[in-house]
Structures are given as C-alpha cells and as structure tokens.
Amino acid sequence: MTDLLTPKLLEAIENKFLAEKENRQLSWLERSEYNLEVMKFRDALRRSEQQVKVEHLKFRKQHEQKFINIRKIMMSQRNESWEEITQDFRRQYASIPSDDEEAKAEFMLMLYNKYYFSPTLIGNIVNKPAKTVWLWLEEWAFENEQLKG
C-alpha cells in the first residue's frame, strides 16, 4: 500500500489540505493535479487488488488439486471409501477433549495443511459452518504473519 503513495500524490493531498485549512479554493492546476494523482492511485489500487484476486484463485485451484490427489492416495492406501475416511477423522476430532482448544486448532490445521481439506469439508468434520472455519483460518494466518514480522 505504501508503494502506491507516490510523492506527487502526497504533495497533491497536502496542497488540498492546506487550501481547506486556509479556507481557499484550489487553483485549476492544483485541482487537476490532485484529481490526476487520485485517479492514478485508484487505478494502481484496483490493479493491485485484481492481482491479489488472481493469485488467491490460483492458490485455491492448486490447493484443490492437491486435495484431489491426496484423497485418491488415502483411499488406495487405506483401502476404504471416502465416507469411511471422513468418519475416521470425525472420530479423531471427537476424541479430543472439549476444553483442549489448542489440540482442536492443530487438528484443523493438519486437515488444511497436510491433507489439503477445504474449509467446507473441515467444517463438516468438526461440525462448524464453513464460513467459521474460513474466518478462523484467515485469522490464524494473519496472526502467524504478525509473529513472523
């Protein structure tokens, strides 16, 4: 975001702020510079958001493909149907003590990171709405980025 705040944009914002503070109108040139810089900023922000969306979609497709491959491998290794495997994961989750939030979190992260389960499938296993699982995963990822930085 700070890369998008160019010196010209900051100068144009400062000029507008000073004009408002002094109760005067911006000159035609100052107003044009301000509008141009704001337009450039909005365009750059829009392009940046689109790039993030494309990267996110690419990551989701890769994650989904990894899940499909892992699922096939698990079914052939265990010689079980997919329903039996998910039932086994439900039993494992149910065996975690209800007050052990850390173990529950580790289990959900294992399903997401090791087995590439979708938040919807994780929600079905742990009996929570998919949106809740999504939000929890996003919060966990944000907190861990904070710890790294």
C-alpha atoms as a PDB file:
ATOM      1  CA  MET A   1       0.000   0.000   0.000  1.00  0.00           C
ATOM      2  CA  THR A   2       2.783   2.442   0.852  1.00  0.00           C
ATOM      3  CA  ASP A   3       4.251   1.812  -2.625  1.00  0.00           C
ATOM      4  CA  LEU A   4       1.091   3.328  -4.081  1.00  0.00           C
ATOM      5  CA  LEU A   5       1.507   6.578  -2.143  1.00  0.00           C
ATOM      6  CA  THR A   6       3.756   8.474  -4.518  1.00  0.00           C
ATOM      7  CA  PRO A   7       5.444  11.761  -3.573  1.00  0.00           C
ATOM      8  CA  LYS A   8       3.263  13.594  -6.141  1.00  0.00           C
ATOM      9  CA  LEU A   9       0.086  12.150  -4.606  1.00  0.00           C
ATOM     10  CA  LEU A  10       1.188  13.103  -1.101  1.00  0.00           C
ATOM     11  CA  GLU A  11       2.046  16.615  -2.313  1.00  0.00           C
ATOM     12  CA  ALA A  12      -1.353  16.968  -4.007  1.00  0.00           C
ATOM     13  CA  ILE A  13      -3.140  15.793  -0.837  1.00  0.00           C
ATOM     14  CA  GLU A  14      -1.103  18.204   1.254  1.00  0.00           C
ATOM     15  CA  ASN A  15      -1.920  21.102  -1.100  1.00  0.00           C
ATOM     16  CA  LYS A  16      -5.636  20.294  -0.896  1.00  0.00           C
ATOM     17  CA  PHE A  17      -5.468  20.001   2.891  1.00  0.00           C
ATOM     18  CA  LEU A  18      -3.654  23.344   3.195  1.00  0.00           C
ATOM     19  CA  ALA A  19      -6.189  25.022   0.907  1.00  0.00           C
ATOM     20  CA  GLU A  20      -9.070  23.686   3.023  1.00  0.00           C
ATOM     21  CA  LYS A  21      -7.276  24.764   6.207  1.00  0.00           C
ATOM     22  CA  GLU A  22      -6.790  28.273   4.791  1.00  0.00           C
ATOM     23  CA  ASN A  23     -10.416  28.385   3.550  1.00  0.00           C
ATOM     24  CA  ARG A  24      -9.368  28.929  -0.057  1.00  0.00           C
ATOM     25  CA  GLN A  25     -10.204  27.221  -3.316  1.00  0.00           C
ATOM     26  CA  LEU A  26      -7.633  25.131  -5.149  1.00  0.00           C
ATOM     27  CA  SER A  27      -6.395  26.663  -8.362  1.00  0.00           C
ATOM     28  CA  TRP A  28      -7.369  24.961 -11.606  1.00  0.00           C
ATOM     29  CA  LEU A  29      -3.860  23.488 -11.890  1.00  0.00           C
ATOM     30  CA  GLU A  30      -3.781  22.257  -8.270  1.00  0.00           C
ATOM     31  CA  ARG A  31      -7.256  20.704  -8.626  1.00  0.00           C
ATOM     32  CA  SER A  32      -6.239  18.999 -11.896  1.00  0.00           C
ATOM     33  CA  GLU A  33      -3.028  17.637 -10.345  1.00  0.00           C
ATOM     34  CA  TYR A  34      -4.970  16.384  -7.327  1.00  0.00           C
ATOM     35  CA  ASN A  35      -7.611  14.646  -9.496  1.00  0.00           C
ATOM     36  CA  LEU A  36      -4.939  13.092 -11.716  1.00  0.00           C
ATOM     37  CA  GLU A  37      -2.933  11.740  -8.786  1.00  0.00           C
ATOM     38  CA  VAL A  38      -6.064  10.358  -7.090  1.00  0.00           C
ATOM     39  CA  MET A  39      -7.081   8.690 -10.355  1.00  0.00           C
ATOM     40  CA  LYS A  40      -3.597   7.134 -10.694  1.00  0.00           C
ATOM     41  CA  PHE A  41      -3.803   5.919  -7.095  1.00  0.00           C
ATOM     42  CA  ARG A  42      -7.232   4.337  -7.611  1.00  0.00           C
ATOM     43  CA  ASP A  43      -6.082   2.620 -10.804  1.00  0.00           C
ATOM     44  CA  ALA A  44      -2.952   1.264  -9.123  1.00  0.00           C
ATOM     45  CA  LEU A  45      -5.013   0.066  -6.159  1.00  0.00           C
ATOM     46  CA  ARG A  46      -7.533  -1.630  -8.464  1.00  0.00           C
ATOM     47  CA  ARG A  47      -4.725  -3.382 -10.382  1.00  0.00           C
ATOM     48  CA  SER A  48      -3.151  -4.476  -7.114  1.00  0.00           C
ATOM     49  CA  GLU A  49      -6.465  -5.890  -5.853  1.00  0.00           C
ATOM     50  CA  GLN A  50      -7.009  -7.731  -9.130  1.00  0.00           C
ATOM     51  CA  GLN A  51      -3.533  -9.235  -8.901  1.00  0.00           C
ATOM     52  CA  VAL A  52      -4.230 -10.433  -5.344  1.00  0.00           C
ATOM     53  CA  LYS A  53      -7.520 -11.996  -6.506  1.00  0.00           C
ATOM     54  CA  VAL A  54      -5.780 -13.805  -9.372  1.00  0.00           C
ATOM     55  CA  GLU A  55      -3.070 -15.119  -7.035  1.00  0.00           C
ATOM     56  CA  HIS A  56      -5.688 -16.210  -4.487  1.00  0.00           C
ATOM     57  CA  LEU A  57      -7.690 -18.037  -7.155  1.00  0.00           C
ATOM     58  CA  LYS A  58      -4.532 -19.748  -8.409  1.00  0.00           C
ATOM     59  CA  PHE A  59      -3.675 -20.837  -4.858  1.00  0.00           C
ATOM     60  CA  ARG A  60      -7.199 -22.199  -4.315  1.00  0.00           C
ATOM     61  CA  LYS A  61      -7.038 -24.222  -7.532  1.00  0.00           C
ATOM     62  CA  GLN A  62      -3.646 -25.638  -6.547  1.00  0.00           C
ATOM     63  CA  HIS A  63      -4.960 -26.461  -3.067  1.00  0.00           C
ATOM     64  CA  GLU A  64      -7.998 -28.183  -4.571  1.00  0.00           C
ATOM     65  CA  GLN A  65      -5.847 -30.224  -6.954  1.00  0.00           C
ATOM     66  CA  LYS A  66      -3.571 -31.297  -4.096  1.00  0.00           C
ATOM     67  CA  PHE A  67      -6.664 -32.366  -2.135  1.00  0.00           C
ATOM     68  CA  ILE A  68      -7.906 -34.474  -5.039  1.00  0.00           C
ATOM     69  CA  ASN A  69      -4.539 -36.210  -5.293  1.00  0.00           C
ATOM     70  CA  ILE A  70      -4.245 -36.771  -1.521  1.00  0.00           C
ATOM     71  CA  ARG A  71      -7.794 -38.107  -1.394  1.00  0.00           C
ATOM     72  CA  LYS A  72      -7.037 -40.697  -4.094  1.00  0.00           C
ATOM     73  CA  ILE A  73      -3.837 -41.713  -2.302  1.00  0.00           C
ATOM     74  CA  MET A  74      -5.584 -42.043   1.074  1.00  0.00           C
ATOM     75  CA  MET A  75      -8.384 -44.138  -0.398  1.00  0.00           C
ATOM     76  CA  SER A  76      -5.948 -46.521  -2.079  1.00  0.00           C
ATOM     77  CA  GLN A  77      -3.580 -46.740   0.919  1.00  0.00           C
ATOM     78  CA  ARG A  78      -6.315 -47.326   3.491  1.00  0.00           C
ATOM     79  CA  ASN A  79      -8.444 -49.374   1.114  1.00  0.00           C
ATOM     80  CA  GLU A  80     -11.510 -47.509   2.423  1.00  0.00           C
ATOM     81  CA  SER A  81     -14.237 -45.394   0.889  1.00  0.00           C
ATOM     82  CA  TRP A  82     -14.109 -41.631   1.275  1.00  0.00           C
ATOM     83  CA  GLU A  83     -17.069 -41.730   3.689  1.00  0.00           C
ATOM     84  CA  GLU A  84     -15.182 -44.141   5.960  1.00  0.00           C
ATOM     85  CA  ILE A  85     -12.102 -41.916   5.923  1.00  0.00           C
ATOM     86  CA  THR A  86     -14.085 -38.783   6.828  1.00  0.00           C
ATOM     87  CA  GLN A  87     -15.878 -40.765   9.535  1.00  0.00           C
ATOM     88  CA  ASP A  88     -12.454 -41.707  10.945  1.00  0.00           C
ATOM     89  CA  PHE A  89     -11.440 -38.030  11.014  1.00  0.00           C
ATOM     90  CA  ARG A  90     -14.723 -37.195  12.808  1.00  0.00           C
ATOM     91  CA  ARG A  91     -13.932 -39.846  15.452  1.00  0.00           C
ATOM     92  CA  GLN A  92     -10.428 -38.443  15.871  1.00  0.00           C
ATOM     93  CA  TYR A  93     -11.803 -34.922  16.344  1.00  0.00           C
ATOM     94  CA  ALA A  94     -14.478 -36.157  18.755  1.00  0.00           C
ATOM     95  CA  SER A  95     -11.795 -37.870  20.844  1.00  0.00           C
ATOM     96  CA  ILE A  96     -10.111 -34.511  21.543  1.00  0.00           C
ATOM     97  CA  PRO A  97     -11.174 -33.175  24.989  1.00  0.00           C
ATOM     98  CA  SER A  98     -13.711 -30.364  24.602  1.00  0.00           C
ATOM     99  CA  ASP A  99     -11.609 -27.919  26.653  1.00  0.00           C
ATOM    100  CA  ASP A 100      -8.399 -28.507  24.638  1.00  0.00           C
ATOM    101  CA  GLU A 101      -8.712 -25.661  22.112  1.00  0.00           C
ATOM    102  CA  GLU A 102      -5.071 -25.929  21.072  1.00  0.00           C
ATOM    103  CA  ALA A 103      -5.427 -29.596  20.084  1.00  0.00           C
ATOM    104  CA  LYS A 104      -8.606 -28.781  18.146  1.00  0.00           C
ATOM    105  CA  ALA A 105      -6.787 -25.965  16.323  1.00  0.00           C
ATOM    106  CA  GLU A 106      -3.849 -28.235  15.496  1.00  0.00           C
ATOM    107  CA  PHE A 107      -6.243 -30.880  14.164  1.00  0.00           C
ATOM    108  CA  MET A 108      -7.998 -28.387  11.871  1.00  0.00           C
ATOM    109  CA  LEU A 109      -4.640 -27.042  10.665  1.00  0.00           C
ATOM    110  CA  MET A 110      -3.476 -30.594   9.981  1.00  0.00           C
ATOM    111  CA  LEU A 111      -6.579 -31.216   7.863  1.00  0.00           C
ATOM    112  CA  TYR A 112      -5.981 -27.997   5.931  1.00  0.00           C
ATOM    113  CA  ASN A 113      -2.190 -28.064   5.549  1.00  0.00           C
ATOM    114  CA  LYS A 114      -1.363 -31.773   5.418  1.00  0.00           C
ATOM    115  CA  TYR A 115      -4.445 -33.220   3.720  1.00  0.00           C
ATOM    116  CA  TYR A 116      -5.499 -30.040   1.852  1.00  0.00           C
ATOM    117  CA  PHE A 117      -9.115 -30.273   3.005  1.00  0.00           C
ATOM    118  CA  SER A 118     -11.383 -27.368   2.103  1.00  0.00           C
ATOM    119  CA  PRO A 119     -12.905 -25.260   4.893  1.00  0.00           C
ATOM    120  CA  THR A 120     -16.300 -26.731   3.958  1.00  0.00           C
ATOM    121  CA  LEU A 121     -15.067 -30.289   4.465  1.00  0.00           C
ATOM    122  CA  ILE A 122     -13.248 -29.330   7.668  1.00  0.00           C
ATOM    123  CA  GLY A 123     -16.489 -27.735   8.877  1.00  0.00           C
ATOM    124  CA  ASN A 124     -18.366 -30.971   8.150  1.00  0.00           C
ATOM    125  CA  ILE A 125     -15.813 -32.960  10.131  1.00  0.00           C
ATOM    126  CA  VAL A 126     -15.621 -30.617  13.140  1.00  0.00           C
ATOM    127  CA  ASN A 127     -19.333 -29.708  12.991  1.00  0.00           C
ATOM    128  CA  LYS A 128     -18.854 -25.984  12.336  1.00  0.00           C
ATOM    129  CA  PRO A 129     -20.067 -23.779   9.469  1.00  0.00           C
ATOM    130  CA  ALA A 130     -17.613 -23.430   6.573  1.00  0.00           C
ATOM    131  CA  LYS A 131     -17.606 -19.635   6.984  1.00  0.00           C
ATOM    132  CA  THR A 132     -16.487 -20.017  10.601  1.00  0.00           C
ATOM    133  CA  VAL A 133     -13.639 -22.289   9.515  1.00  0.00           C
ATOM    134  CA  TRP A 134     -12.642 -19.833   6.736  1.00  0.00           C
ATOM    135  CA  LEU A 135     -12.572 -16.928   9.165  1.00  0.00           C
ATOM    136  CA  TRP A 136     -10.612 -18.957  11.710  1.00  0.00           C
ATOM    137  CA  LEU A 137      -8.030 -19.979   9.075  1.00  0.00           C
ATOM    138  CA  GLU A 138      -7.667 -16.376   7.873  1.00  0.00           C
ATOM    139  CA  GLU A 139      -7.274 -15.138  11.447  1.00  0.00           C
ATOM    140  CA  TRP A 140      -4.705 -17.839  12.173  1.00  0.00           C
ATOM    141  CA  ALA A 141      -2.744 -16.973   9.011  1.00  0.00           C
ATOM    142  CA  PHE A 142      -2.824 -13.256   9.894  1.00  0.00           C
ATOM    143  CA  GLU A 143      -1.630 -13.883  13.442  1.00  0.00           C
ATOM    144  CA  ASN A 144       1.222 -16.063  12.210  1.00  0.00           C
ATOM    145  CA  GLU A 145       2.266 -13.407   9.691  1.00  0.00           C
ATOM    146  CA  GLN A 146       2.333 -10.965  12.586  1.00  0.00           C
ATOM    147  CA  LEU A 147       4.556 -13.329  14.570  1.00  0.00           C
ATOM    148  CA  LYS A 148       6.984 -13.729  11.642  1.00  0.00           C
ATOM    149  CA  GLY A 149       7.289  -9.979  11.068  1.00  0.00           C
END
